[in-house]
Amino acid sequence: GFADLDGNLLIANDRFKGMEVVKGKITLPDLPGIGVVK
């Protein structure tokens, strides 16, 4: 019902790209696994 997934937005040295926040909403990528790339 609620999500607090902003931890990656609070750091300056993120080494990955994955879930994004689009217009405030969690947006999951169309990639295998958890959808993360380095």
PDB file of all heavy atoms in Angstrom:
ATOM      1  N   GLY A   1       0.789  -1.224   0.000  1.00  0.00           N
ATOM      2  CA  GLY A   1       0.000   0.000   0.000  1.00  0.00           C
ATOM      3  C   GLY A   1       0.819   1.271   0.000  1.00  0.00           C
ATOM      4  O   GLY A   1       0.400   2.293  -0.540  1.00  0.00           O
ATOM      5  N   PHE A   2       1.995   1.212   0.639  1.00  0.00           N
ATOM      6  CA  PHE A   2       2.889   2.371   0.685  1.00  0.00           C
ATOM      7  C   PHE A   2       4.297   1.933   0.318  1.00  0.00           C
ATOM      8  O   PHE A   2       4.698   0.799   0.609  1.00  0.00           O
ATOM      9  CB  PHE A   2       2.921   2.987   2.098  1.00  0.00           C
ATOM     10  CG  PHE A   2       1.669   3.687   2.509  1.00  0.00           C
ATOM     11  CD1 PHE A   2       0.725   3.042   3.306  1.00  0.00           C
ATOM     12  CD2 PHE A   2       1.413   5.001   2.112  1.00  0.00           C
ATOM     13  CE1 PHE A   2      -0.440   3.689   3.692  1.00  0.00           C
ATOM     14  CE2 PHE A   2       0.247   5.647   2.502  1.00  0.00           C
ATOM     15  CZ  PHE A   2      -0.676   4.994   3.288  1.00  0.00           C
ATOM     16  N   ALA A   3       5.044   2.824  -0.309  1.00  0.00           N
ATOM     17  CA  ALA A   3       6.434   2.539  -0.647  1.00  0.00           C
ATOM     18  C   ALA A   3       7.299   3.739  -0.275  1.00  0.00           C
ATOM     19  O   ALA A   3       6.925   4.889  -0.518  1.00  0.00           O
ATOM     20  CB  ALA A   3       6.582   2.239  -2.134  1.00  0.00           C
ATOM     21  N   ASP A   4       8.444   3.421   0.321  1.00  0.00           N
ATOM     22  CA  ASP A   4       9.429   4.455   0.652  1.00  0.00           C
ATOM     23  C   ASP A   4      10.758   4.008   0.042  1.00  0.00           C
ATOM     24  O   ASP A   4      11.630   3.487   0.726  1.00  0.00           O
ATOM     25  CB  ASP A   4       9.533   4.610   2.169  1.00  0.00           C
ATOM     26  CG  ASP A   4      10.593   5.628   2.579  1.00  0.00           C
ATOM     27  OD1 ASP A   4      10.795   6.596   1.818  1.00  0.00           O
ATOM     28  OD2 ASP A   4      11.222   5.450   3.629  1.00  0.00           O
ATOM     29  N   LEU A   5      10.870   4.176  -1.265  1.00  0.00           N
ATOM     30  CA  LEU A   5      12.036   3.697  -2.004  1.00  0.00           C
ATOM     31  C   LEU A   5      12.766   4.867  -2.660  1.00  0.00           C
ATOM     32  O   LEU A   5      12.837   4.968  -3.884  1.00  0.00           O
ATOM     33  CB  LEU A   5      11.611   2.658  -3.045  1.00  0.00           C
ATOM     34  CG  LEU A   5      11.010   1.358  -2.482  1.00  0.00           C
ATOM     35  CD1 LEU A   5      10.627   0.412  -3.607  1.00  0.00           C
ATOM     36  CD2 LEU A   5      11.986   0.676  -1.525  1.00  0.00           C
ATOM     37  N   ASP A   6      13.295   5.730  -1.813  1.00  0.00           N
ATOM     38  CA  ASP A   6      14.014   6.897  -2.318  1.00  0.00           C
ATOM     39  C   ASP A   6      15.497   6.880  -1.953  1.00  0.00           C
ATOM     40  O   ASP A   6      16.208   7.852  -2.168  1.00  0.00           O
ATOM     41  CB  ASP A   6      13.378   8.195  -1.810  1.00  0.00           C
ATOM     42  CG  ASP A   6      13.454   8.325  -0.286  1.00  0.00           C
ATOM     43  OD1 ASP A   6      13.787   7.333   0.390  1.00  0.00           O
ATOM     44  OD2 ASP A   6      13.174   9.423   0.230  1.00  0.00           O
ATOM     45  N   GLY A   7      15.961   5.745  -1.388  1.00  0.00           N
ATOM     46  CA  GLY A   7      17.341   5.689  -0.914  1.00  0.00           C
ATOM     47  C   GLY A   7      18.373   5.975  -1.981  1.00  0.00           C
ATOM     48  O   GLY A   7      19.390   6.624  -1.734  1.00  0.00           O
ATOM     49  N   ASN A   8      18.121   5.509  -3.204  1.00  0.00           N
ATOM     50  CA  ASN A   8      19.067   5.741  -4.297  1.00  0.00           C
ATOM     51  C   ASN A   8      19.077   7.191  -4.762  1.00  0.00           C
ATOM     52  O   ASN A   8      20.038   7.648  -5.395  1.00  0.00           O
ATOM     53  CB  ASN A   8      18.739   4.826  -5.476  1.00  0.00           C
ATOM     54  CG  ASN A   8      17.338   5.054  -6.021  1.00  0.00           C
ATOM     55  OD1 ASN A   8      16.392   5.268  -5.260  1.00  0.00           O
ATOM     56  ND2 ASN A   8      17.184   5.012  -7.331  1.00  0.00           N
ATOM     57  N   LEU A   9      18.037   7.914  -4.439  1.00  0.00           N
ATOM     58  CA  LEU A   9      17.950   9.316  -4.844  1.00  0.00           C
ATOM     59  C   LEU A   9      18.687  10.232  -3.872  1.00  0.00           C
ATOM     60  O   LEU A   9      18.835  11.431  -4.140  1.00  0.00           O
ATOM     61  CB  LEU A   9      16.480   9.748  -4.943  1.00  0.00           C
ATOM     62  CG  LEU A   9      15.594   8.894  -5.856  1.00  0.00           C
ATOM     63  CD1 LEU A   9      14.151   9.382  -5.792  1.00  0.00           C
ATOM     64  CD2 LEU A   9      16.109   8.911  -7.289  1.00  0.00           C
ATOM     65  N   LEU A  10      19.132   9.662  -2.767  1.00  0.00           N
ATOM     66  CA  LEU A  10      19.771  10.452  -1.721  1.00  0.00           C
ATOM     67  C   LEU A  10      21.289  10.265  -1.689  1.00  0.00           C
ATOM     68  O   LEU A  10      21.952  10.736  -0.772  1.00  0.00           O
ATOM     69  CB  LEU A  10      19.180  10.081  -0.353  1.00  0.00           C
ATOM     70  CG  LEU A  10      17.656  10.216  -0.236  1.00  0.00           C
ATOM     71  CD1 LEU A  10      17.172   9.684   1.105  1.00  0.00           C
ATOM     72  CD2 LEU A  10      17.224  11.662  -0.415  1.00  0.00           C
ATOM     73  N   ILE A  11      21.828   9.577  -2.702  1.00  0.00           N
ATOM     74  CA  ILE A  11      23.274   9.387  -2.782  1.00  0.00           C
ATOM     75  C   ILE A  11      23.804   9.965  -4.101  1.00  0.00           C
ATOM     76  O   ILE A  11      23.071  10.081  -5.080  1.00  0.00           O
ATOM     77  CB  ILE A  11      23.668   7.904  -2.663  1.00  0.00           C
ATOM     78  CG1 ILE A  11      23.069   7.082  -3.807  1.00  0.00           C
ATOM     79  CG2 ILE A  11      23.231   7.345  -1.321  1.00  0.00           C
ATOM     80  CD1 ILE A  11      23.538   5.632  -3.811  1.00  0.00           C
ATOM     81  N   ALA A  12      25.085  10.291  -4.119  1.00  0.00           N
ATOM     82  CA  ALA A  12      25.693  10.901  -5.304  1.00  0.00           C
ATOM     83  C   ALA A  12      26.553   9.918  -6.093  1.00  0.00           C
ATOM     84  O   ALA A  12      27.026  10.253  -7.184  1.00  0.00           O
ATOM     85  CB  ALA A  12      26.549  12.107  -4.886  1.00  0.00           C
ATOM     86  N   ASN A  13      26.765   8.705  -5.562  1.00  0.00           N
ATOM     87  CA  ASN A  13      27.680   7.765  -6.203  1.00  0.00           C
ATOM     88  C   ASN A  13      27.001   6.446  -6.564  1.00  0.00           C
ATOM     89  O   ASN A  13      27.586   5.368  -6.416  1.00  0.00           O
ATOM     90  CB  ASN A  13      28.883   7.505  -5.297  1.00  0.00           C
ATOM     91  CG  ASN A  13      28.478   6.917  -3.946  1.00  0.00           C
ATOM     92  OD1 ASN A  13      27.322   7.032  -3.537  1.00  0.00           O
ATOM     93  ND2 ASN A  13      29.416   6.290  -3.256  1.00  0.00           N
ATOM     94  N   ASP A  14      25.774   6.509  -7.039  1.00  0.00           N
ATOM     95  CA  ASP A  14      25.042   5.310  -7.436  1.00  0.00           C
ATOM     96  C   ASP A  14      25.754   4.659  -8.628  1.00  0.00           C
ATOM     97  O   ASP A  14      25.999   5.308  -9.640  1.00  0.00           O
ATOM     98  CB  ASP A  14      23.605   5.681  -7.811  1.00  0.00           C
ATOM     99  CG  ASP A  14      22.683   4.481  -7.865  1.00  0.00           C
ATOM    100  OD1 ASP A  14      23.179   3.346  -7.794  1.00  0.00           O
ATOM    101  OD2 ASP A  14      21.461   4.682  -7.983  1.00  0.00           O
ATOM    102  N   ARG A  15      26.065   3.365  -8.503  1.00  0.00           N
ATOM    103  CA  ARG A  15      26.777   2.654  -9.564  1.00  0.00           C
ATOM    104  C   ARG A  15      25.849   1.841 -10.455  1.00  0.00           C
ATOM    105  O   ARG A  15      26.327   1.103 -11.323  1.00  0.00           O
ATOM    106  CB  ARG A  15      27.820   1.707  -8.953  1.00  0.00           C
ATOM    107  CG  ARG A  15      28.907   2.400  -8.128  1.00  0.00           C
ATOM    108  CD  ARG A  15      29.700   3.372  -8.993  1.00  0.00           C
ATOM    109  NE  ARG A  15      30.786   3.986  -8.245  1.00  0.00           N
ATOM    110  CZ  ARG A  15      32.028   3.512  -8.171  1.00  0.00           C
ATOM    111  NH1 ARG A  15      32.331   2.397  -8.797  1.00  0.00           N
ATOM    112  NH2 ARG A  15      32.963   4.140  -7.491  1.00  0.00           N
ATOM    113  N   PHE A  16      24.539   1.965 -10.240  1.00  0.00           N
ATOM    114  CA  PHE A  16      23.592   1.142 -10.981  1.00  0.00           C
ATOM    115  C   PHE A  16      22.431   1.973 -11.526  1.00  0.00           C
ATOM    116  O   PHE A  16      22.140   3.054 -11.034  1.00  0.00           O
ATOM    117  CB  PHE A  16      23.034   0.030 -10.085  1.00  0.00           C
ATOM    118  CG  PHE A  16      24.087  -0.853  -9.498  1.00  0.00           C
ATOM    119  CD1 PHE A  16      24.632  -0.579  -8.253  1.00  0.00           C
ATOM    120  CD2 PHE A  16      24.540  -1.965 -10.194  1.00  0.00           C
ATOM    121  CE1 PHE A  16      25.611  -1.396  -7.709  1.00  0.00           C
ATOM    122  CE2 PHE A  16      25.516  -2.790  -9.646  1.00  0.00           C
ATOM    123  CZ  PHE A  16      26.059  -2.497  -8.410  1.00  0.00           C
ATOM    124  N   LYS A  17      21.781   1.393 -12.531  1.00  0.00           N
ATOM    125  CA  LYS A  17      20.551   1.965 -13.070  1.00  0.00           C
ATOM    126  C   LYS A  17      19.510   0.864 -13.063  1.00  0.00           C
ATOM    127  O   LYS A  17      19.769  -0.256 -13.499  1.00  0.00           O
ATOM    128  CB  LYS A  17      20.768   2.480 -14.494  1.00  0.00           C
ATOM    129  CG  LYS A  17      19.516   3.048 -15.155  1.00  0.00           C
ATOM    130  CD  LYS A  17      19.833   3.564 -16.542  1.00  0.00           C
ATOM    131  CE  LYS A  17      18.568   4.005 -17.287  1.00  0.00           C
ATOM    132  NZ  LYS A  17      17.885   5.105 -16.605  1.00  0.00           N
ATOM    133  N   GLY A  18      18.344   1.168 -12.531  1.00  0.00           N
ATOM    134  CA  GLY A  18      17.304   0.145 -12.439  1.00  0.00           C
ATOM    135  C   GLY A  18      15.941   0.783 -12.316  1.00  0.00           C
ATOM    136  O   GLY A  18      15.512   1.536 -13.188  1.00  0.00           O
ATOM    137  N   MET A  19      15.262   0.494 -11.221  1.00  0.00           N
ATOM    138  CA  MET A  19      13.969   1.120 -10.965  1.00  0.00           C
ATOM    139  C   MET A  19      14.097   2.638 -11.037  1.00  0.00           C
ATOM    140  O   MET A  19      15.063   3.209 -10.548  1.00  0.00           O
ATOM    141  CB  MET A  19      13.471   0.707  -9.576  1.00  0.00           C
ATOM    142  CG  MET A  19      12.120   1.291  -9.184  1.00  0.00           C
ATOM    143  SD  MET A  19      12.179   2.976  -8.487  1.00  0.00           S
ATOM    144  CE  MET A  19      12.753   2.657  -6.838  1.00  0.00           C
ATOM    145  N   GLU A  20      13.110   3.282 -11.657  1.00  0.00           N
ATOM    146  CA  GLU A  20      13.114   4.732 -11.740  1.00  0.00           C
ATOM    147  C   GLU A  20      11.820   5.286 -11.159  1.00  0.00           C
ATOM    148  O   GLU A  20      10.813   4.583 -11.062  1.00  0.00           O
ATOM    149  CB  GLU A  20      13.275   5.192 -13.192  1.00  0.00           C
ATOM    150  CG  GLU A  20      14.608   4.800 -13.814  1.00  0.00           C
ATOM    151  CD  GLU A  20      14.755   5.342 -15.224  1.00  0.00           C
ATOM    152  OE1 GLU A  20      13.729   5.452 -15.933  1.00  0.00           O
ATOM    153  OE2 GLU A  20      15.893   5.650 -15.621  1.00  0.00           O
ATOM    154  N   VAL A  21      11.877   6.543 -10.776  1.00  0.00           N
ATOM    155  CA  VAL A  21      10.679   7.241 -10.311  1.00  0.00           C
ATOM    156  C   VAL A  21      10.254   8.199 -11.406  1.00  0.00           C
ATOM    157  O   VAL A  21      10.988   9.129 -11.758  1.00  0.00           O
ATOM    158  CB  VAL A  21      10.949   8.001  -9.004  1.00  0.00           C
ATOM    159  CG1 VAL A  21       9.682   8.743  -8.562  1.00  0.00           C
ATOM    160  CG2 VAL A  21      11.402   7.043  -7.916  1.00  0.00           C
ATOM    161  N   VAL A  22       9.085   7.946 -11.978  1.00  0.00           N
ATOM    162  CA  VAL A  22       8.570   8.768 -13.077  1.00  0.00           C
ATOM    163  C   VAL A  22       7.281   9.429 -12.619  1.00  0.00           C
ATOM    164  O   VAL A  22       6.314   8.750 -12.290  1.00  0.00           O
ATOM    165  CB  VAL A  22       8.310   7.916 -14.338  1.00  0.00           C
ATOM    166  CG1 VAL A  22       7.767   8.798 -15.458  1.00  0.00           C
ATOM    167  CG2 VAL A  22       9.591   7.212 -14.774  1.00  0.00           C
ATOM    168  N   LYS A  23       7.307  10.741 -12.561  1.00  0.00           N
ATOM    169  CA  LYS A  23       6.168  11.506 -12.054  1.00  0.00           C
ATOM    170  C   LYS A  23       5.742  10.989 -10.676  1.00  0.00           C
ATOM    171  O   LYS A  23       4.553  10.857 -10.381  1.00  0.00           O
ATOM    172  CB  LYS A  23       4.994  11.457 -13.033  1.00  0.00           C
ATOM    173  CG  LYS A  23       5.285  12.128 -14.368  1.00  0.00           C
ATOM    174  CD  LYS A  23       4.084  12.095 -15.298  1.00  0.00           C
ATOM    175  CE  LYS A  23       4.407  12.804 -16.620  1.00  0.00           C
ATOM    176  NZ  LYS A  23       3.261  12.754 -17.562  1.00  0.00           N
ATOM    177  N   GLY A  24       6.738  10.687  -9.861  1.00  0.00           N
ATOM    178  CA  GLY A  24       6.493  10.258  -8.494  1.00  0.00           C
ATOM    179  C   GLY A  24       6.188   8.791  -8.314  1.00  0.00           C
ATOM    180  O   GLY A  24       6.136   8.294  -7.194  1.00  0.00           O
ATOM    181  N   LYS A  25       6.009   8.053  -9.419  1.00  0.00           N
ATOM    182  CA  LYS A  25       5.570   6.658  -9.356  1.00  0.00           C
ATOM    183  C   LYS A  25       6.735   5.703  -9.618  1.00  0.00           C
ATOM    184  O   LYS A  25       7.576   5.957 -10.479  1.00  0.00           O
ATOM    185  CB  LYS A  25       4.455   6.427 -10.388  1.00  0.00           C
ATOM    186  CG  LYS A  25       3.758   5.096 -10.299  1.00  0.00           C
ATOM    187  CD  LYS A  25       2.605   5.053 -11.315  1.00  0.00           C
ATOM    188  CE  LYS A  25       1.799   3.763 -11.181  1.00  0.00           C
ATOM    189  NZ  LYS A  25       2.570   2.564 -11.526  1.00  0.00           N
ATOM    190  N   ILE A  26       6.778   4.601  -8.884  1.00  0.00           N
ATOM    191  CA  ILE A  26       7.776   3.564  -9.109  1.00  0.00           C
ATOM    192  C   ILE A  26       7.551   2.947 -10.476  1.00  0.00           C
ATOM    193  O   ILE A  26       6.443   2.521 -10.809  1.00  0.00           O
ATOM    194  CB  ILE A  26       7.691   2.485  -8.024  1.00  0.00           C
ATOM    195  CG1 ILE A  26       8.095   3.074  -6.665  1.00  0.00           C
ATOM    196  CG2 ILE A  26       8.552   1.281  -8.371  1.00  0.00           C
ATOM    197  CD1 ILE A  26       7.833   2.157  -5.502  1.00  0.00           C
ATOM    198  N   THR A  27       8.607   2.920 -11.286  1.00  0.00           N
ATOM    199  CA  THR A  27       8.524   2.384 -12.641  1.00  0.00           C
ATOM    200  C   THR A  27       9.574   1.295 -12.798  1.00  0.00           C
ATOM    201  O   THR A  27      10.776   1.558 -12.700  1.00  0.00           O
ATOM    202  CB  THR A  27       8.751   3.495 -13.682  1.00  0.00           C
ATOM    203  OG1 THR A  27       7.816   4.559 -13.450  1.00  0.00           O
ATOM    204  CG2 THR A  27       8.558   2.961 -15.089  1.00  0.00           C
ATOM    205  N   LEU A  28       9.121   0.068 -13.036  1.00  0.00           N
ATOM    206  CA  LEU A  28      10.020  -1.073 -13.167  1.00  0.00           C
ATOM    207  C   LEU A  28      10.441  -1.257 -14.618  1.00  0.00           C
ATOM    208  O   LEU A  28       9.613  -1.197 -15.520  1.00  0.00           O
ATOM    209  CB  LEU A  28       9.331  -2.335 -12.653  1.00  0.00           C
ATOM    210  CG  LEU A  28       8.915  -2.298 -11.182  1.00  0.00           C
ATOM    211  CD1 LEU A  28       8.077  -3.525 -10.838  1.00  0.00           C
ATOM    212  CD2 LEU A  28      10.140  -2.240 -10.298  1.00  0.00           C
ATOM    213  N   PRO A  29      11.724  -1.503 -14.874  1.00  0.00           N
ATOM    214  CA  PRO A  29      12.224  -1.645 -16.237  1.00  0.00           C
ATOM    215  C   PRO A  29      11.882  -3.008 -16.840  1.00  0.00           C
ATOM    216  O   PRO A  29      11.641  -3.977 -16.106  1.00  0.00           O
ATOM    217  CB  PRO A  29      13.738  -1.483 -16.077  1.00  0.00           C
ATOM    218  CG  PRO A  29      14.005  -1.969 -14.690  1.00  0.00           C
ATOM    219  CD  PRO A  29      12.803  -1.560 -13.871  1.00  0.00           C
ATOM    220  N   ASP A  30      11.872  -3.103 -18.164  1.00  0.00           N
ATOM    221  CA  ASP A  30      11.634  -4.365 -18.857  1.00  0.00           C
ATOM    222  C   ASP A  30      12.963  -5.055 -19.132  1.00  0.00           C
ATOM    223  O   ASP A  30      13.429  -5.157 -20.262  1.00  0.00           O
ATOM    224  CB  ASP A  30      10.889  -4.115 -20.177  1.00  0.00           C
ATOM    225  CG  ASP A  30       9.456  -3.666 -19.960  1.00  0.00           C
ATOM    226  OD1 ASP A  30       8.791  -4.273 -19.116  1.00  0.00           O
ATOM    227  OD2 ASP A  30       9.037  -2.717 -20.623  1.00  0.00           O
ATOM    228  N   LEU A  31      13.593  -5.523 -18.049  1.00  0.00           N
ATOM    229  CA  LEU A  31      14.868  -6.199 -18.151  1.00  0.00           C
ATOM    230  C   LEU A  31      14.820  -7.481 -17.327  1.00  0.00           C
ATOM    231  O   LEU A  31      13.974  -7.626 -16.440  1.00  0.00           O
ATOM    232  CB  LEU A  31      15.996  -5.292 -17.621  1.00  0.00           C
ATOM    233  CG  LEU A  31      16.309  -4.034 -18.437  1.00  0.00           C
ATOM    234  CD1 LEU A  31      17.298  -3.150 -17.680  1.00  0.00           C
ATOM    235  CD2 LEU A  31      16.877  -4.412 -19.800  1.00  0.00           C
ATOM    236  N   PRO A  32      15.727  -8.432 -17.578  1.00  0.00           N
ATOM    237  CA  PRO A  32      15.725  -9.688 -16.796  1.00  0.00           C
ATOM    238  C   PRO A  32      16.034  -9.432 -15.328  1.00  0.00           C
ATOM    239  O   PRO A  32      16.613  -8.401 -14.957  1.00  0.00           O
ATOM    240  CB  PRO A  32      16.840 -10.498 -17.465  1.00  0.00           C
ATOM    241  CG  PRO A  32      17.030  -9.894 -18.813  1.00  0.00           C
ATOM    242  CD  PRO A  32      16.722  -8.444 -18.656  1.00  0.00           C
ATOM    243  N   GLY A  33      15.680 -10.412 -14.490  1.00  0.00           N
ATOM    244  CA  GLY A  33      16.001 -10.328 -13.071  1.00  0.00           C
ATOM    245  C   GLY A  33      15.341  -9.130 -12.402  1.00  0.00           C
ATOM    246  O   GLY A  33      14.158  -8.859 -12.618  1.00  0.00           O
ATOM    247  N   ILE A  34      16.112  -8.394 -11.615  1.00  0.00           N
ATOM    248  CA  ILE A  34      15.563  -7.217 -10.947  1.00  0.00           C
ATOM    249  C   ILE A  34      15.704  -5.962 -11.802  1.00  0.00           C
ATOM    250  O   ILE A  34      15.405  -4.863 -11.356  1.00  0.00           O
ATOM    251  CB  ILE A  34      16.210  -6.996  -9.557  1.00  0.00           C
ATOM    252  CG1 ILE A  34      17.725  -6.786  -9.680  1.00  0.00           C
ATOM    253  CG2 ILE A  34      15.896  -8.160  -8.630  1.00  0.00           C
ATOM    254  CD1 ILE A  34      18.382  -6.393  -8.372  1.00  0.00           C
ATOM    255  N   GLY A  35      16.171  -6.135 -13.043  1.00  0.00           N
ATOM    256  CA  GLY A  35      16.191  -5.019 -13.979  1.00  0.00           C
ATOM    257  C   GLY A  35      17.275  -4.001 -13.740  1.00  0.00           C
ATOM    258  O   GLY A  35      17.064  -2.804 -13.963  1.00  0.00           O
ATOM    259  N   VAL A  36      18.451  -4.463 -13.302  1.00  0.00           N
ATOM    260  CA  VAL A  36      19.536  -3.541 -12.966  1.00  0.00           C
ATOM    261  C   VAL A  36      20.692  -3.686 -13.943  1.00  0.00           C
ATOM    262  O   VAL A  36      21.058  -4.808 -14.349  1.00  0.00           O
ATOM    263  CB  VAL A  36      20.040  -3.816 -11.533  1.00  0.00           C
ATOM    264  CG1 VAL A  36      21.334  -3.071 -11.255  1.00  0.00           C
ATOM    265  CG2 VAL A  36      18.988  -3.391 -10.520  1.00  0.00           C
ATOM    266  N   VAL A  37      21.273  -2.569 -14.336  1.00  0.00           N
ATOM    267  CA  VAL A  37      22.502  -2.570 -15.129  1.00  0.00           C
ATOM    268  C   VAL A  37      23.528  -1.676 -14.437  1.00  0.00           C
ATOM    269  O   VAL A  37      23.174  -0.709 -13.750  1.00  0.00           O
ATOM    270  CB  VAL A  37      22.260  -2.064 -16.572  1.00  0.00           C
ATOM    271  CG1 VAL A  37      21.358  -3.018 -17.329  1.00  0.00           C
ATOM    272  CG2 VAL A  37      21.670  -0.659 -16.569  1.00  0.00           C
ATOM    273  N   LYS A  38      24.802  -2.021 -14.598  1.00  0.00           N
ATOM    274  CA  LYS A  38      25.863  -1.227 -13.997  1.00  0.00           C
ATOM    275  C   LYS A  38      26.189  -0.037 -14.874  1.00  0.00           C
ATOM    276  O   LYS A  38      26.204  -0.134 -16.104  1.00  0.00           O
ATOM    277  CB  LYS A  38      27.107  -2.094 -13.790  1.00  0.00           C
ATOM    278  CG  LYS A  38      28.178  -1.418 -12.947  1.00  0.00           C
ATOM    279  CD  LYS A  38      29.327  -2.361 -12.650  1.00  0.00           C
ATOM    280  CE  LYS A  38      30.379  -1.673 -11.802  1.00  0.00           C
ATOM    281  NZ  LYS A  38      31.511  -2.593 -11.483  1.00  0.00           N
TER     282      LYS A  38
END
